Amino acid sequence: MFSLFGKKTSEAPDLSFLKTDMHSHLIPGIDDGSPDMETSIELIQGLSQLGYKRLVTTPHVISGMYNNTREIILQGCEDVKNELTRRNIKMEFRAAAEYLLDDHFDFLLEKQEPLLTIKDNLVLVEFSFVSPPIDFKEKLFSIQINGYRPILAHPERYGYFYNRPTIYEELKNAGCLFQVNLLSLSGYYGKQAANIADQLIKKQLVDLFGTDMHHVRHLHQLQDPLVSSRARKAAATSTILNSEI
């Protein structure tokens, strides 16, 4: 098993120490996450059982693929909140977005369109899994001069960075916060992603954990007690900000 973590545990899964999940895809039918309201409710109930009290869901905004606007996302969020109320499910639920750093994102900044933030000025962004933007440091700088603080989603999953050991410090120095996927801690995305997550935790570069919940398979994996056990160990050595979101 990966060096940060020990043997399997028989503890019940418990992520209540995080309080808030700030990366998920729970608004039905608008990206590659939940396909319908029933699935959304099932996933939210599952997260509640894991101990979460607050969910900030983050639909993709990707030009030409998921052309989600602020209005589409907020209306979808309101629909989910209404359904939670109707079913008497107690969960604080709000929406932000996960923005791909593409030309459309540049356009939003240029037009000074208000971005959907995790909290205050914190905005969740991602790189392509194929290759990073050539000018990604300039893009990160542009985010900040527009008054936002970038949170880079799942830095441990970008394979093109695996042979660039200093890139993570460079990204942090460029002003990024790092959000690591909880499932990376258990090897769900492969050994390399798990090893990078391990390194980021050891170097105290991780600021937030996210479920990146898309579907029921993710929920089942999160219910493995190993995930919460390893996350708790990691949080003991780092300043994890989820509870402040």
Protein backbone atom coordinates (compact mmCIF):
# COMPACT_ATOMS: atom_id res chain seq x y z
CA MET A 1 0.00 0.00 0.00
CA PHE A 2 1.10 3.57 -0.50
CA SER A 3 3.66 4.91 1.91
CA LEU A 4 1.44 7.43 3.70
CA PHE A 5 -1.05 4.83 4.76
CA GLY A 6 -1.13 1.68 6.81
CA LYS A 7 -3.10 -1.53 6.88
CA LYS A 8 -6.77 -1.96 6.18
CA THR A 9 -9.17 -0.75 8.84
CA SER A 10 -12.47 -2.10 10.13
CA GLU A 11 -13.66 1.35 11.21
CA ALA A 12 -17.00 2.61 9.94
CA PRO A 13 -16.62 5.17 7.13
CA ASP A 14 -16.77 8.69 8.56
CA LEU A 15 -15.92 11.92 6.76
CA SER A 16 -17.72 14.18 9.23
CA PHE A 17 -14.45 15.87 10.21
CA LEU A 18 -14.42 17.55 6.79
CA LYS A 19 -17.97 18.92 7.23
CA THR A 20 -18.09 20.29 3.67
CA ASP A 21 -17.60 18.68 0.28
CA MET A 22 -16.69 21.34 -2.28
CA HIS A 23 -16.33 19.32 -5.48
CA SER A 24 -19.14 17.23 -6.94
CA HIS A 25 -21.48 16.89 -9.90
CA LEU A 26 -24.92 16.54 -8.33
CA ILE A 27 -27.19 18.77 -10.43
CA PRO A 28 -29.00 16.33 -12.70
CA GLY A 29 -28.55 16.29 -16.43
CA ILE A 30 -26.20 19.20 -17.03
CA ASP A 31 -22.79 17.50 -17.20
CA ASP A 32 -21.24 14.03 -16.85
CA GLY A 33 -22.45 13.69 -13.27
CA SER A 34 -25.88 12.73 -11.97
CA PRO A 35 -28.25 11.94 -14.86
CA ASP A 36 -31.52 12.50 -12.99
CA MET A 37 -33.02 13.79 -9.76
CA GLU A 38 -33.39 10.35 -8.18
CA THR A 39 -29.68 9.71 -8.59
CA SER A 40 -28.87 13.15 -7.20
CA ILE A 41 -30.93 12.45 -4.09
CA GLU A 42 -29.33 9.01 -3.66
CA LEU A 43 -25.85 10.53 -3.85
CA ILE A 44 -26.70 13.37 -1.47
CA GLN A 45 -28.17 10.94 1.05
CA GLY A 46 -25.05 8.83 0.76
CA LEU A 47 -22.84 11.84 1.45
CA SER A 48 -25.02 12.71 4.43
CA GLN A 49 -24.54 9.21 5.81
CA LEU A 50 -20.77 9.68 5.46
CA GLY A 51 -21.04 12.71 7.74
CA TYR A 52 -21.14 15.70 5.40
CA LYS A 53 -23.28 18.64 6.50
CA ARG A 54 -22.73 20.97 3.55
CA LEU A 55 -22.33 20.34 -0.18
CA VAL A 56 -21.04 22.83 -2.73
CA THR A 57 -21.70 21.14 -6.05
CA THR A 58 -19.57 22.13 -9.03
CA PRO A 59 -20.91 21.36 -12.53
CA HIS A 60 -18.43 21.45 -15.37
CA VAL A 61 -18.19 24.57 -17.50
CA ILE A 62 -16.46 23.44 -20.70
CA SER A 63 -17.04 25.27 -23.97
CA GLY A 64 -18.58 23.06 -26.66
CA MET A 65 -19.24 20.21 -24.22
CA TYR A 66 -20.98 21.53 -21.10
CA ASN A 67 -22.08 25.04 -21.96
CA ASN A 68 -23.39 25.73 -18.50
CA THR A 69 -24.18 29.32 -17.64
CA ARG A 70 -24.56 30.86 -14.22
CA GLU A 71 -28.34 30.84 -14.72
CA ILE A 72 -28.49 27.15 -15.71
CA ILE A 73 -26.42 26.10 -12.72
CA LEU A 74 -28.28 28.21 -10.17
CA GLN A 75 -31.67 27.05 -11.45
CA GLY A 76 -30.53 23.43 -11.27
CA CYS A 77 -29.29 24.01 -7.74
CA GLU A 78 -32.64 25.49 -6.75
CA ASP A 79 -34.45 22.46 -8.19
CA VAL A 80 -32.32 20.11 -6.09
CA LYS A 81 -32.83 22.22 -2.96
CA ASN A 82 -36.59 22.17 -3.51
CA GLU A 83 -36.53 18.39 -3.83
CA LEU A 84 -34.47 18.05 -0.65
CA THR A 85 -37.01 20.20 1.16
CA ARG A 86 -39.92 18.19 -0.26
CA ARG A 87 -38.35 14.97 1.03
CA ASN A 88 -37.35 16.52 4.36
CA ILE A 89 -33.66 15.76 3.78
CA LYS A 90 -31.45 17.96 5.92
CA MET A 91 -28.44 19.06 3.88
CA GLU A 92 -27.07 22.52 3.15
CA PHE A 93 -26.73 22.60 -0.62
CA ARG A 94 -25.35 25.29 -2.89
CA ALA A 95 -23.65 25.53 -6.25
CA ALA A 96 -20.43 26.84 -7.71
CA ALA A 97 -18.73 25.51 -10.86
CA GLU A 98 -15.65 23.68 -12.07
CA TYR A 99 -14.21 25.82 -14.86
CA LEU A 100 -11.92 24.38 -17.50
CA LEU A 101 -9.17 26.88 -18.27
CA ASP A 102 -10.11 27.29 -21.93
CA ASP A 103 -10.86 30.19 -24.27
CA HIS A 104 -14.40 30.49 -22.92
CA PHE A 105 -13.05 30.97 -19.42
CA ASP A 106 -10.76 33.71 -20.76
CA PHE A 107 -13.85 35.32 -22.31
CA LEU A 108 -15.70 35.26 -18.98
CA LEU A 109 -12.80 37.02 -17.30
CA GLU A 110 -12.43 39.57 -20.08
CA LYS A 111 -16.13 40.43 -19.92
CA GLN A 112 -15.94 40.45 -16.12
CA GLU A 113 -18.81 38.00 -15.92
CA PRO A 114 -19.28 37.01 -12.26
CA LEU A 115 -17.94 33.53 -11.65
CA LEU A 116 -19.64 31.00 -9.41
CA THR A 117 -17.34 30.63 -6.43
CA ILE A 118 -16.88 27.97 -3.78
CA LYS A 119 -16.89 30.67 -1.13
CA ASP A 120 -16.05 34.37 -1.27
CA ASN A 121 -13.47 34.67 -4.09
CA LEU A 122 -12.44 30.99 -4.31
CA VAL A 123 -13.00 29.56 -7.79
CA LEU A 124 -12.53 25.90 -8.73
CA VAL A 125 -10.61 25.38 -11.98
CA GLU A 126 -9.25 22.40 -13.84
CA PHE A 127 -6.77 21.68 -16.61
CA SER A 128 -7.43 19.40 -19.55
CA PHE A 129 -6.38 15.81 -18.86
CA VAL A 130 -4.71 15.72 -22.29
CA SER A 131 -2.34 18.67 -21.88
CA PRO A 132 -2.13 21.81 -19.77
CA PRO A 133 -2.79 25.24 -21.27
CA ILE A 134 0.46 26.49 -22.78
CA ASP A 135 0.06 29.69 -20.82
CA PHE A 136 -1.42 28.23 -17.64
CA LYS A 137 0.66 30.40 -15.33
CA GLU A 138 -0.59 33.50 -17.13
CA LYS A 139 -4.15 32.21 -16.83
CA LEU A 140 -3.71 31.69 -13.10
CA PHE A 141 -2.33 35.22 -12.80
CA SER A 142 -5.29 36.58 -14.78
CA ILE A 143 -7.70 34.89 -12.37
CA GLN A 144 -6.04 36.64 -9.46
CA ILE A 145 -5.88 40.10 -10.98
CA ASN A 146 -9.62 39.75 -11.54
CA GLY A 147 -10.08 39.32 -7.80
CA TYR A 148 -10.35 35.54 -7.50
CA ARG A 149 -8.22 32.85 -5.86
CA PRO A 150 -7.88 29.67 -7.95
CA ILE A 151 -8.37 26.22 -6.47
CA LEU A 152 -6.84 23.65 -8.81
CA ALA A 153 -8.98 20.52 -8.93
CA HIS A 154 -7.24 17.14 -8.55
CA PRO A 155 -3.63 18.14 -9.37
CA GLU A 156 -2.63 14.55 -8.64
CA ARG A 157 -4.49 13.33 -11.74
CA TYR A 158 -2.67 15.29 -14.45
CA GLY A 159 -0.37 12.64 -15.90
CA TYR A 160 1.70 15.10 -17.92
CA PHE A 161 3.02 16.55 -14.65
CA TYR A 162 4.31 13.24 -13.27
CA ASN A 163 7.79 13.77 -14.72
CA ARG A 164 7.95 17.38 -13.56
CA PRO A 165 8.59 17.05 -9.81
CA THR A 166 8.85 20.80 -9.19
CA ILE A 167 5.63 21.73 -10.98
CA TYR A 168 3.48 21.47 -7.85
CA GLU A 169 5.58 23.98 -5.93
CA GLU A 170 5.51 26.22 -9.02
CA LEU A 171 1.72 26.07 -9.12
CA LYS A 172 1.49 26.84 -5.42
CA ASN A 173 3.87 29.76 -5.87
CA ALA A 174 1.64 30.95 -8.72
CA GLY A 175 -1.18 31.33 -6.18
CA CYS A 176 -3.09 28.05 -6.45
CA LEU A 177 -4.81 26.20 -3.69
CA PHE A 178 -4.84 22.43 -4.23
CA GLN A 179 -7.91 20.18 -3.96
CA VAL A 180 -7.10 16.47 -3.94
CA ASN A 181 -9.74 13.86 -4.71
CA LEU A 182 -10.48 11.60 -1.76
CA LEU A 183 -10.61 8.56 -4.01
CA SER A 184 -7.01 9.19 -5.05
CA LEU A 185 -6.04 8.17 -1.52
CA SER A 186 -7.27 4.63 -2.11
CA GLY A 187 -5.79 4.18 -5.57
CA TYR A 188 -9.10 4.54 -7.43
CA TYR A 189 -7.45 6.56 -10.22
CA GLY A 190 -4.33 4.40 -10.31
CA LYS A 191 -1.06 4.04 -8.45
CA GLN A 192 0.59 7.14 -9.91
CA ALA A 193 -2.24 9.46 -8.87
CA ALA A 194 -2.15 7.90 -5.40
CA ASN A 195 1.61 8.39 -5.14
CA ILE A 196 1.35 12.04 -6.18
CA ALA A 197 -1.45 12.59 -3.64
CA ASP A 198 0.84 11.02 -1.03
CA GLN A 199 3.69 13.37 -1.98
CA LEU A 200 1.47 16.45 -1.94
CA ILE A 201 0.21 15.55 1.53
CA LYS A 202 3.72 14.91 2.85
CA LYS A 203 4.84 18.29 1.51
CA GLN A 204 1.77 19.92 3.10
CA LEU A 205 0.63 21.28 -0.27
CA VAL A 206 -2.98 20.05 0.00
CA ASP A 207 -5.60 22.60 1.04
CA LEU A 208 -8.88 20.79 0.40
CA PHE A 209 -10.30 17.33 -0.17
CA GLY A 210 -13.17 16.74 -2.59
CA THR A 211 -15.29 13.75 -3.47
CA ASP A 212 -15.55 14.72 -7.16
CA MET A 213 -18.76 12.71 -6.95
CA HIS A 214 -20.24 11.85 -10.35
CA HIS A 215 -22.13 8.60 -9.89
CA VAL A 216 -23.06 5.74 -7.60
CA ARG A 217 -19.75 3.93 -8.22
CA HIS A 218 -17.95 6.87 -6.63
CA LEU A 219 -20.29 6.73 -3.65
CA HIS A 220 -19.63 3.02 -3.15
CA GLN A 221 -15.87 3.63 -3.25
CA LEU A 222 -16.16 6.48 -0.74
CA GLN A 223 -17.99 4.14 1.62
CA ASP A 224 -14.82 2.06 1.94
CA PRO A 225 -13.54 2.79 5.47
CA LEU A 226 -10.01 3.01 4.07
CA VAL A 227 -10.85 6.30 2.36
CA SER A 228 -11.99 8.12 5.49
CA SER A 229 -9.22 6.56 7.58
CA ARG A 230 -6.54 7.75 5.19
CA ALA A 231 -8.12 11.17 4.78
CA ARG A 232 -8.19 11.61 8.54
CA LYS A 233 -4.49 10.69 8.79
CA ALA A 234 -3.69 13.14 6.01
CA ALA A 235 -5.70 15.92 7.65
CA ALA A 236 -3.73 15.41 10.85
CA THR A 237 -0.54 16.53 9.08
CA SER A 238 -1.96 19.33 6.90
CA THR A 239 -4.18 22.40 7.25
CA ILE A 240 -7.31 21.24 5.44
CA LEU A 241 -9.82 24.02 4.83
CA ASN A 242 -13.04 22.11 4.08
CA SER A 243 -14.69 22.99 7.38
CA GLU A 244 -14.21 26.70 6.61
CA ILE A 245 -16.08 26.50 3.30
